[in-house]
Amino acid sequence: MQIRTVATSIAVALVATMAVAQTVTYDYDRTADFSKFHTYAWTKGTELTDELNHARVTRSIDAELAAKGLTKVDAGSNPDVLVAYHASFDRNLEINASSSGLGPYGLGGLRSGRARAQEILVGTLAVDLIDAHTRSIVWRGIANRDVNQSTKPDARDKNVAKATQKMFKNYPPRS
């Protein structure tokens, strides 16, 4: 019984450690010809209402698209691609547990354990690239990360930049 408790504690600790990491995924339309996309314009998504963070996200995406050779134009200038971002937040419960006991392998008669639950804010940023002519999504990147609400502005800039860099690492997709 005690071995099960120790194994569960180790598993919970590993999952909690992994939850801190940033996860990034992407998907794309395999039939899209990404070589014909040279210009882009912004379109409405599910944007952040906080102006400072909204500007942080759009600046970071603009920088990555420019690094990939795309030029930003007005929406009325017939862009090749429309860009929209979607931001959302969710709350998860993180549980940290430990146990100990006397005797070989913690199997003795004296045992103790403890657990702590903490609510974690998780942010998700999704970026869609939409073929402006067909109005279909041709590429999507998604990043998830635990959000520390007391982070300083410089660290927020770095976190958003890191997420978008990871996201656009796979743009344009390799055939």
Protein backbone atom coordinates (compact mmCIF):
# COMPACT_ATOMS: atom_id res chain seq x y z
CA MET A 1 0.00 0.00 0.00
CA GLN A 2 2.82 2.44 0.90
CA ILE A 3 4.61 1.74 -2.41
CA ARG A 4 1.47 2.83 -4.22
CA THR A 5 1.39 6.08 -2.22
CA VAL A 6 5.06 6.81 -2.98
CA ALA A 7 4.57 6.03 -6.69
CA THR A 8 1.51 8.28 -6.82
CA SER A 9 3.43 11.10 -5.12
CA ILE A 10 6.26 10.82 -7.63
CA ALA A 11 3.83 10.79 -10.55
CA VAL A 12 1.99 13.87 -9.23
CA ALA A 13 5.30 15.71 -8.75
CA LEU A 14 6.39 14.90 -12.32
CA VAL A 15 3.07 16.05 -13.78
CA ALA A 16 3.28 19.28 -11.78
CA THR A 17 6.79 19.91 -13.14
CA MET A 18 5.66 19.31 -16.71
CA ALA A 19 2.70 21.68 -16.30
CA VAL A 20 5.07 24.63 -15.90
CA ALA A 21 6.54 24.04 -19.36
CA GLN A 22 5.23 25.80 -22.43
CA THR A 23 3.64 23.57 -25.03
CA VAL A 24 3.46 24.57 -28.68
CA THR A 25 1.72 22.78 -31.54
CA TYR A 26 0.85 23.63 -35.12
CA ASP A 27 -1.24 22.33 -37.98
CA TYR A 28 -1.61 23.29 -41.63
CA ASP A 29 -3.45 22.62 -44.87
CA ARG A 30 -1.25 20.24 -46.84
CA THR A 31 -2.74 21.47 -50.12
CA ALA A 32 -1.85 25.14 -49.53
CA ASP A 33 0.96 26.70 -51.57
CA PHE A 34 2.82 28.71 -48.93
CA SER A 35 5.29 30.05 -51.51
CA LYS A 36 2.59 32.39 -52.87
CA PHE A 37 2.01 34.12 -49.52
CA HIS A 38 3.99 37.38 -49.39
CA THR A 39 1.67 39.92 -47.74
CA TYR A 40 -0.64 39.82 -44.74
CA ALA A 41 -3.20 41.95 -42.94
CA TRP A 42 -4.79 41.61 -39.53
CA THR A 43 -8.36 40.46 -39.09
CA LYS A 44 -10.44 40.14 -35.94
CA GLY A 45 -9.97 37.13 -33.68
CA THR A 46 -10.67 36.55 -29.99
CA GLU A 47 -8.34 39.29 -28.86
CA LEU A 48 -7.21 40.39 -25.43
CA THR A 49 -9.13 43.35 -24.02
CA ASP A 50 -6.04 44.57 -22.16
CA GLU A 51 -4.36 47.02 -24.57
CA LEU A 52 -0.84 46.44 -23.26
CA ASN A 53 -0.99 42.68 -23.69
CA HIS A 54 -2.82 42.98 -27.01
CA ALA A 55 0.01 45.18 -28.32
CA ARG A 56 2.58 42.72 -26.93
CA VAL A 57 0.99 39.82 -28.84
CA THR A 58 0.52 41.67 -32.16
CA ARG A 59 4.08 43.09 -32.06
CA SER A 60 5.50 39.65 -31.47
CA ILE A 61 3.48 38.05 -34.28
CA ASP A 62 4.37 40.94 -36.64
CA ALA A 63 8.07 40.39 -35.87
CA GLU A 64 7.86 36.66 -36.58
CA LEU A 65 5.95 37.14 -39.84
CA ALA A 66 8.48 39.77 -40.98
CA ALA A 67 11.30 37.35 -40.15
CA LYS A 68 9.56 34.80 -42.39
CA GLY A 69 9.49 37.29 -45.28
CA LEU A 70 5.86 38.43 -45.10
CA THR A 71 5.03 42.11 -45.45
CA LYS A 72 2.23 43.75 -43.47
CA VAL A 73 -0.32 45.67 -45.57
CA ASP A 74 -3.73 47.26 -45.00
CA ALA A 75 -6.71 44.94 -45.18
CA GLY A 76 -7.98 46.84 -48.24
CA SER A 77 -4.73 46.22 -50.14
CA ASN A 78 -5.65 42.68 -51.21
CA PRO A 79 -3.29 40.73 -48.87
CA ASP A 80 -2.39 37.12 -49.54
CA VAL A 81 -3.03 36.06 -45.94
CA LEU A 82 -5.20 37.30 -43.09
CA VAL A 83 -3.86 36.90 -39.55
CA ALA A 84 -6.01 36.48 -36.45
CA TYR A 85 -5.06 35.57 -32.93
CA HIS A 86 -7.22 34.04 -30.24
CA ALA A 87 -6.37 34.27 -26.54
CA SER A 88 -8.08 32.44 -23.72
CA PHE A 89 -7.49 31.64 -20.07
CA ASP A 90 -8.49 28.68 -17.96
CA ARG A 91 -7.88 27.63 -14.38
CA ASN A 92 -6.37 24.27 -13.49
CA LEU A 93 -5.71 22.66 -10.16
CA GLU A 94 -2.11 21.67 -9.36
CA ILE A 95 -1.68 19.12 -6.59
CA ASN A 96 1.68 18.53 -4.90
CA ALA A 97 1.90 15.53 -2.57
CA SER A 98 4.55 13.74 -0.57
CA SER A 99 4.70 10.91 1.90
CA SER A 100 7.30 9.31 4.13
CA GLY A 101 7.61 6.42 6.49
CA LEU A 102 10.16 4.62 8.64
CA GLY A 103 11.54 1.23 7.73
CA PRO A 104 12.88 -0.26 4.50
CA TYR A 105 11.43 1.50 1.44
CA GLY A 106 9.17 3.59 3.65
CA LEU A 107 7.13 0.51 4.58
CA GLY A 108 7.44 0.81 8.35
CA GLY A 109 4.66 1.40 10.83
CA LEU A 110 5.19 5.16 11.10
CA ARG A 111 3.90 6.92 8.01
CA SER A 112 2.97 10.47 7.20
CA GLY A 113 1.94 12.37 4.12
CA ARG A 114 0.70 15.70 2.95
CA ALA A 115 -0.82 17.30 -0.11
CA ARG A 116 -1.24 20.87 -1.28
CA ALA A 117 -3.64 22.09 -3.96
CA GLN A 118 -3.08 25.35 -5.82
CA GLU A 119 -5.12 26.99 -8.56
CA ILE A 120 -3.05 27.76 -11.70
CA LEU A 121 -4.01 30.18 -14.47
CA VAL A 122 -3.28 28.71 -17.91
CA GLY A 123 -3.13 30.92 -20.99
CA THR A 124 -3.62 29.76 -24.57
CA LEU A 125 -2.58 31.74 -27.63
CA ALA A 126 -3.67 30.52 -31.06
CA VAL A 127 -2.61 32.21 -34.30
CA ASP A 128 -4.49 31.54 -37.54
CA LEU A 129 -3.20 32.32 -41.03
CA ILE A 130 -6.13 32.46 -43.42
CA ASP A 131 -5.88 32.42 -47.22
CA ALA A 132 -7.45 35.79 -48.04
CA HIS A 133 -8.84 34.54 -51.36
CA THR A 134 -10.42 31.26 -50.23
CA ARG A 135 -11.12 32.38 -46.63
CA SER A 136 -9.87 29.04 -45.29
CA ILE A 137 -7.33 28.52 -42.53
CA VAL A 138 -4.03 27.37 -44.02
CA TRP A 139 -1.88 27.35 -40.86
CA ARG A 140 -2.53 27.42 -37.10
CA GLY A 141 -0.11 27.61 -34.20
CA ILE A 142 -1.13 27.13 -30.57
CA ALA A 143 0.87 27.80 -27.40
CA ASN A 144 -0.18 26.97 -23.81
CA ARG A 145 1.56 28.07 -20.66
CA ASP A 146 0.96 28.66 -16.98
CA VAL A 147 0.54 32.39 -16.38
CA ASN A 148 2.16 34.14 -13.44
CA GLN A 149 0.08 37.27 -12.95
CA SER A 150 2.81 39.03 -10.99
CA THR A 151 5.38 38.81 -13.82
CA LYS A 152 7.14 42.08 -14.67
CA PRO A 153 6.55 43.70 -18.11
CA ASP A 154 9.99 42.71 -19.48
CA ALA A 155 9.35 39.07 -18.59
CA ARG A 156 5.89 39.24 -20.20
CA ASP A 157 7.47 40.53 -23.41
CA LYS A 158 9.99 37.67 -23.35
CA ASN A 159 7.31 35.04 -22.63
CA VAL A 160 5.12 36.17 -25.54
CA ALA A 161 8.12 36.45 -27.86
CA LYS A 162 9.31 32.97 -26.89
CA ALA A 163 5.86 31.49 -27.53
CA THR A 164 5.53 33.07 -30.97
CA GLN A 165 9.11 32.13 -31.93
CA LYS A 166 8.41 28.51 -31.05
CA MET A 167 5.11 28.67 -32.89
CA PHE A 168 6.51 30.14 -36.12
CA LYS A 169 9.54 27.86 -36.08
CA ASN A 170 7.35 25.55 -38.17
CA TYR A 171 6.23 28.18 -40.67
CA PRO A 172 6.22 27.75 -43.57
CA PRO A 173 5.77 24.02 -43.12
CA ARG A 174 8.19 21.74 -44.88
CA SER A 175 6.60 19.56 -47.55
